[in-house]
């Protein structure tokens, strides 16, 4: 409530015209909206007040419609959470994950928490050191800083 979604939500310091170009109304795009009285409407378009974001429980799955041209990460994260997906981070940092590695690139400076699927021994490859054993990696990063962790099953110096 109280948010306008569908616009670029990051600051453009050097190219303000690009921001205005993406936020002005375009009459060339079709307006696609949810038209199902059984769907729960979660958000509406600003102008015509038609359903822009809706959810409907169907037989064996949940249908989610989002008519926005740009979908923010917090919306995608909540849709994934609703679907039962594992959420690695509540932040908007860039993450690359597979069963053996996690890489985080900080969008903003600050404390970061990466929630792993299972307990392991995260070994940071650039710093060449182990982080605490467990299923959460906690670290402090500067904006633009990158860390890459090998997710090791045990703490051995032979990995180094």
C-alpha atoms as a PDB file:
ATOM      1  CA  UNK A   1       0.000   0.000   0.000  1.00  0.00           C
ATOM      2  CA  UNK A   2       1.242   3.451  -0.785  1.00  0.00           C
ATOM      3  CA  UNK A   3       3.789   2.423  -3.435  1.00  0.00           C
ATOM      4  CA  UNK A   4       3.769   2.996  -7.154  1.00  0.00           C
ATOM      5  CA  UNK A   5       5.315  -0.003  -8.913  1.00  0.00           C
ATOM      6  CA  UNK A   6       6.303  -0.425 -12.524  1.00  0.00           C
ATOM      7  CA  UNK A   7       8.912   2.320 -12.710  1.00  0.00           C
ATOM      8  CA  UNK A   8      12.656   2.153 -12.509  1.00  0.00           C
ATOM      9  CA  UNK A   9      13.403   2.400  -8.782  1.00  0.00           C
ATOM     10  CA  UNK A  10      17.122   3.130  -8.778  1.00  0.00           C
ATOM     11  CA  UNK A  11      18.737   6.577  -9.008  1.00  0.00           C
ATOM     12  CA  UNK A  12      20.146   7.670 -12.359  1.00  0.00           C
ATOM     13  CA  UNK A  13      22.682  10.327 -11.439  1.00  0.00           C
ATOM     14  CA  UNK A  14      24.143  11.093 -14.852  1.00  0.00           C
ATOM     15  CA  UNK A  15      21.316  10.456 -17.320  1.00  0.00           C
ATOM     16  CA  UNK A  16      18.063  11.874 -15.979  1.00  0.00           C
ATOM     17  CA  UNK A  17      16.515  11.904 -19.466  1.00  0.00           C
ATOM     18  CA  UNK A  18      16.636   8.083 -19.495  1.00  0.00           C
ATOM     19  CA  UNK A  19      14.558   8.043 -16.291  1.00  0.00           C
ATOM     20  CA  UNK A  20      11.964  10.427 -17.738  1.00  0.00           C
ATOM     21  CA  UNK A  21      11.821   8.415 -20.950  1.00  0.00           C
ATOM     22  CA  UNK A  22      10.847   5.272 -18.978  1.00  0.00           C
ATOM     23  CA  UNK A  23       8.341   7.001 -16.708  1.00  0.00           C
ATOM     24  CA  UNK A  24       6.312   8.926 -19.279  1.00  0.00           C
ATOM     25  CA  UNK A  25       3.060   7.357 -20.410  1.00  0.00           C
ATOM     26  CA  UNK A  26       3.272   5.640 -23.787  1.00  0.00           C
ATOM     27  CA  UNK A  27       0.154   5.267 -25.925  1.00  0.00           C
ATOM     28  CA  UNK A  28       1.879   2.671 -28.094  1.00  0.00           C
ATOM     29  CA  UNK A  29       1.849  -0.097 -25.479  1.00  0.00           C
ATOM     30  CA  UNK A  30      -1.276  -2.168 -24.903  1.00  0.00           C
ATOM     31  CA  UNK A  31      -2.778  -2.148 -21.408  1.00  0.00           C
ATOM     32  CA  UNK A  32      -3.139  -5.768 -20.332  1.00  0.00           C
ATOM     33  CA  UNK A  33      -5.072  -6.275 -17.098  1.00  0.00           C
ATOM     34  CA  UNK A  34      -6.612  -9.059 -15.023  1.00  0.00           C
ATOM     35  CA  UNK A  35     -10.257  -9.641 -15.907  1.00  0.00           C
ATOM     36  CA  UNK A  36     -11.339 -12.432 -13.568  1.00  0.00           C
ATOM     37  CA  UNK A  37     -13.882 -11.784 -10.805  1.00  0.00           C
ATOM     38  CA  UNK A  38     -12.534 -14.787  -8.856  1.00  0.00           C
ATOM     39  CA  UNK A  39      -8.977 -13.370  -8.705  1.00  0.00           C
ATOM     40  CA  UNK A  40      -7.862 -11.378  -5.662  1.00  0.00           C
ATOM     41  CA  UNK A  41      -6.758  -7.921  -6.841  1.00  0.00           C
ATOM     42  CA  UNK A  42      -3.581  -6.752  -5.077  1.00  0.00           C
ATOM     43  CA  UNK A  43      -2.926  -3.590  -7.101  1.00  0.00           C
ATOM     44  CA  UNK A  44      -4.443  -1.384  -9.768  1.00  0.00           C
ATOM     45  CA  UNK A  45      -3.108   0.771 -12.591  1.00  0.00           C
ATOM     46  CA  UNK A  46      -2.811   4.430 -11.581  1.00  0.00           C
ATOM     47  CA  UNK A  47      -4.814   5.889 -14.487  1.00  0.00           C
ATOM     48  CA  UNK A  48      -7.718   3.603 -15.373  1.00  0.00           C
ATOM     49  CA  UNK A  49      -7.788   1.784 -11.980  1.00  0.00           C
ATOM     50  CA  UNK A  50      -8.012  -1.595 -13.740  1.00  0.00           C
ATOM     51  CA  UNK A  51      -6.545  -4.662 -11.976  1.00  0.00           C
ATOM     52  CA  UNK A  52      -2.754  -4.593 -12.534  1.00  0.00           C
ATOM     53  CA  UNK A  53      -1.708  -7.231 -10.002  1.00  0.00           C
ATOM     54  CA  UNK A  54      -3.860 -10.239  -9.117  1.00  0.00           C
ATOM     55  CA  UNK A  55      -3.616 -13.713  -7.599  1.00  0.00           C
ATOM     56  CA  UNK A  56      -5.921 -16.670  -8.091  1.00  0.00           C
ATOM     57  CA  UNK A  57      -5.814 -20.087  -6.464  1.00  0.00           C
ATOM     58  CA  UNK A  58      -6.355 -22.710  -9.153  1.00  0.00           C
ATOM     59  CA  UNK A  59      -6.486 -26.490  -9.003  1.00  0.00           C
ATOM     60  CA  UNK A  60      -2.924 -27.533  -8.139  1.00  0.00           C
ATOM     61  CA  UNK A  61      -1.244 -24.133  -8.594  1.00  0.00           C
ATOM     62  CA  UNK A  62      -1.507 -20.420  -7.895  1.00  0.00           C
ATOM     63  CA  UNK A  63      -1.758 -18.022 -10.820  1.00  0.00           C
ATOM     64  CA  UNK A  64      -0.106 -14.603 -10.433  1.00  0.00           C
ATOM     65  CA  UNK A  65      -0.660 -11.782 -12.914  1.00  0.00           C
ATOM     66  CA  UNK A  66       1.441  -8.611 -12.915  1.00  0.00           C
ATOM     67  CA  UNK A  67       0.767  -6.147 -15.719  1.00  0.00           C
ATOM     68  CA  UNK A  68       3.684  -3.881 -14.894  1.00  0.00           C
ATOM     69  CA  UNK A  69       6.380  -3.395 -17.541  1.00  0.00           C
ATOM     70  CA  UNK A  70       9.019  -3.377 -14.798  1.00  0.00           C
ATOM     71  CA  UNK A  71       8.751  -5.746 -11.812  1.00  0.00           C
ATOM     72  CA  UNK A  72      10.824  -4.896  -8.736  1.00  0.00           C
ATOM     73  CA  UNK A  73      12.825  -7.582  -6.990  1.00  0.00           C
ATOM     74  CA  UNK A  74      10.761  -7.414  -3.775  1.00  0.00           C
ATOM     75  CA  UNK A  75       7.663  -8.468  -5.743  1.00  0.00           C
ATOM     76  CA  UNK A  76       9.500 -11.325  -7.475  1.00  0.00           C
ATOM     77  CA  UNK A  77      10.961 -12.418  -4.121  1.00  0.00           C
ATOM     78  CA  UNK A  78       7.484 -12.596  -2.528  1.00  0.00           C
ATOM     79  CA  UNK A  79       6.052 -14.514  -5.485  1.00  0.00           C
ATOM     80  CA  UNK A  80       8.951 -16.980  -5.195  1.00  0.00           C
ATOM     81  CA  UNK A  81       8.404 -17.262  -1.417  1.00  0.00           C
ATOM     82  CA  UNK A  82       4.687 -17.906  -1.983  1.00  0.00           C
ATOM     83  CA  UNK A  83       5.653 -20.680  -4.445  1.00  0.00           C
ATOM     84  CA  UNK A  84       7.877 -22.313  -1.810  1.00  0.00           C
ATOM     85  CA  UNK A  85      11.233 -21.311  -3.305  1.00  0.00           C
ATOM     86  CA  UNK A  86      14.298 -20.948  -1.099  1.00  0.00           C
ATOM     87  CA  UNK A  87      15.155 -17.261  -0.580  1.00  0.00           C
ATOM     88  CA  UNK A  88      18.912 -16.703  -0.345  1.00  0.00           C
ATOM     89  CA  UNK A  89      18.772 -12.991   0.465  1.00  0.00           C
ATOM     90  CA  UNK A  90      16.271 -10.314   1.447  1.00  0.00           C
ATOM     91  CA  UNK A  91      18.461  -7.636  -0.134  1.00  0.00           C
ATOM     92  CA  UNK A  92      18.689  -6.507  -3.750  1.00  0.00           C
ATOM     93  CA  UNK A  93      22.286  -7.575  -4.251  1.00  0.00           C
ATOM     94  CA  UNK A  94      23.352  -9.635  -7.252  1.00  0.00           C
ATOM     95  CA  UNK A  95      23.609 -13.341  -6.331  1.00  0.00           C
ATOM     96  CA  UNK A  96      24.908 -16.273  -8.349  1.00  0.00           C
ATOM     97  CA  UNK A  97      24.197 -19.623  -6.713  1.00  0.00           C
ATOM     98  CA  UNK A  98      24.627 -23.291  -7.496  1.00  0.00           C
ATOM     99  CA  UNK A  99      25.154 -26.337  -5.272  1.00  0.00           C
ATOM    100  CA  UNK A 100      28.888 -25.626  -4.847  1.00  0.00           C
ATOM    101  CA  UNK A 101      29.245 -21.836  -4.901  1.00  0.00           C
ATOM    102  CA  UNK A 102      27.581 -18.582  -3.855  1.00  0.00           C
ATOM    103  CA  UNK A 103      28.736 -15.233  -5.216  1.00  0.00           C
ATOM    104  CA  UNK A 104      27.379 -11.939  -3.905  1.00  0.00           C
ATOM    105  CA  UNK A 105      27.944  -8.502  -5.466  1.00  0.00           C
ATOM    106  CA  UNK A 106      26.778  -5.681  -3.175  1.00  0.00           C
ATOM    107  CA  UNK A 107      24.334  -3.207  -4.705  1.00  0.00           C
ATOM    108  CA  UNK A 108      24.653  -1.098  -1.541  1.00  0.00           C
ATOM    109  CA  UNK A 109      27.099  -1.027   1.349  1.00  0.00           C
ATOM    110  CA  UNK A 110      26.140  -2.745   4.580  1.00  0.00           C
ATOM    111  CA  UNK A 111      25.689  -5.975   6.486  1.00  0.00           C
ATOM    112  CA  UNK A 112      24.641  -8.905   4.332  1.00  0.00           C
ATOM    113  CA  UNK A 113      23.032 -12.223   5.224  1.00  0.00           C
ATOM    114  CA  UNK A 114      22.971 -15.097   2.765  1.00  0.00           C
ATOM    115  CA  UNK A 115      20.669 -17.934   3.783  1.00  0.00           C
ATOM    116  CA  UNK A 116      21.999 -21.269   2.511  1.00  0.00           C
ATOM    117  CA  UNK A 117      19.939 -24.373   1.843  1.00  0.00           C
ATOM    118  CA  UNK A 118      21.947 -26.491   4.283  1.00  0.00           C
ATOM    119  CA  UNK A 119      24.766 -26.263   6.777  1.00  0.00           C
ATOM    120  CA  UNK A 120      28.248 -26.215   5.319  1.00  0.00           C
ATOM    121  CA  UNK A 121      31.672 -24.566   5.616  1.00  0.00           C
ATOM    122  CA  UNK A 122      31.644 -21.441   3.408  1.00  0.00           C
ATOM    123  CA  UNK A 123      35.172 -20.710   2.177  1.00  0.00           C
ATOM    124  CA  UNK A 124      35.696 -17.239   0.665  1.00  0.00           C
ATOM    125  CA  UNK A 125      37.929 -17.668  -2.368  1.00  0.00           C
ATOM    126  CA  UNK A 126      39.354 -14.113  -2.636  1.00  0.00           C
ATOM    127  CA  UNK A 127      40.064 -13.687   1.096  1.00  0.00           C
ATOM    128  CA  UNK A 128      41.154 -17.346   1.333  1.00  0.00           C
ATOM    129  CA  UNK A 129      39.433 -17.957   4.654  1.00  0.00           C
ATOM    130  CA  UNK A 130      36.560 -19.943   6.118  1.00  0.00           C
ATOM    131  CA  UNK A 131      33.442 -18.250   7.398  1.00  0.00           C
ATOM    132  CA  UNK A 132      31.542 -19.750  10.311  1.00  0.00           C
ATOM    133  CA  UNK A 133      30.014 -23.181   9.864  1.00  0.00           C
ATOM    134  CA  UNK A 134      26.260 -23.060   9.402  1.00  0.00           C
ATOM    135  CA  UNK A 135      23.467 -22.190   7.017  1.00  0.00           C
ATOM    136  CA  UNK A 136      23.872 -18.387   7.103  1.00  0.00           C
ATOM    137  CA  UNK A 137      26.795 -16.324   5.805  1.00  0.00           C
ATOM    138  CA  UNK A 138      27.009 -12.925   7.490  1.00  0.00           C
ATOM    139  CA  UNK A 139      29.415 -10.299   6.187  1.00  0.00           C
ATOM    140  CA  UNK A 140      29.934  -6.578   5.708  1.00  0.00           C
ATOM    141  CA  UNK A 141      30.414  -5.349   2.135  1.00  0.00           C
ATOM    142  CA  UNK A 142      31.151  -2.008   0.511  1.00  0.00           C
ATOM    143  CA  UNK A 143      29.023  -0.945  -2.446  1.00  0.00           C
ATOM    144  CA  UNK A 144      30.227  -2.808  -5.542  1.00  0.00           C
ATOM    145  CA  UNK A 145      32.279  -5.331  -3.547  1.00  0.00           C
ATOM    146  CA  UNK A 146      32.127  -9.009  -4.547  1.00  0.00           C
ATOM    147  CA  UNK A 147      32.687 -12.170  -2.513  1.00  0.00           C
ATOM    148  CA  UNK A 148      32.679 -15.742  -3.813  1.00  0.00           C
ATOM    149  CA  UNK A 149      32.166 -18.679  -1.459  1.00  0.00           C
ATOM    150  CA  UNK A 150      32.855 -22.342  -2.049  1.00  0.00           C
ATOM    151  CA  UNK A 151      30.277 -24.329  -0.051  1.00  0.00           C
ATOM    152  CA  UNK A 152      32.375 -27.121   1.428  1.00  0.00           C
ATOM    153  CA  UNK A 153      31.036 -30.170   3.277  1.00  0.00           C
ATOM    154  CA  UNK A 154      33.811 -30.079   5.907  1.00  0.00           C
ATOM    155  CA  UNK A 155      36.532 -27.799   7.268  1.00  0.00           C
ATOM    156  CA  UNK A 156      39.853 -29.032   5.842  1.00  0.00           C
ATOM    157  CA  UNK A 157      43.058 -27.141   5.292  1.00  0.00           C
ATOM    158  CA  UNK A 158      43.668 -29.332   2.229  1.00  0.00           C
ATOM    159  CA  UNK A 159      41.049 -27.314   0.338  1.00  0.00           C
ATOM    160  CA  UNK A 160      43.228 -24.228   0.597  1.00  0.00           C
END
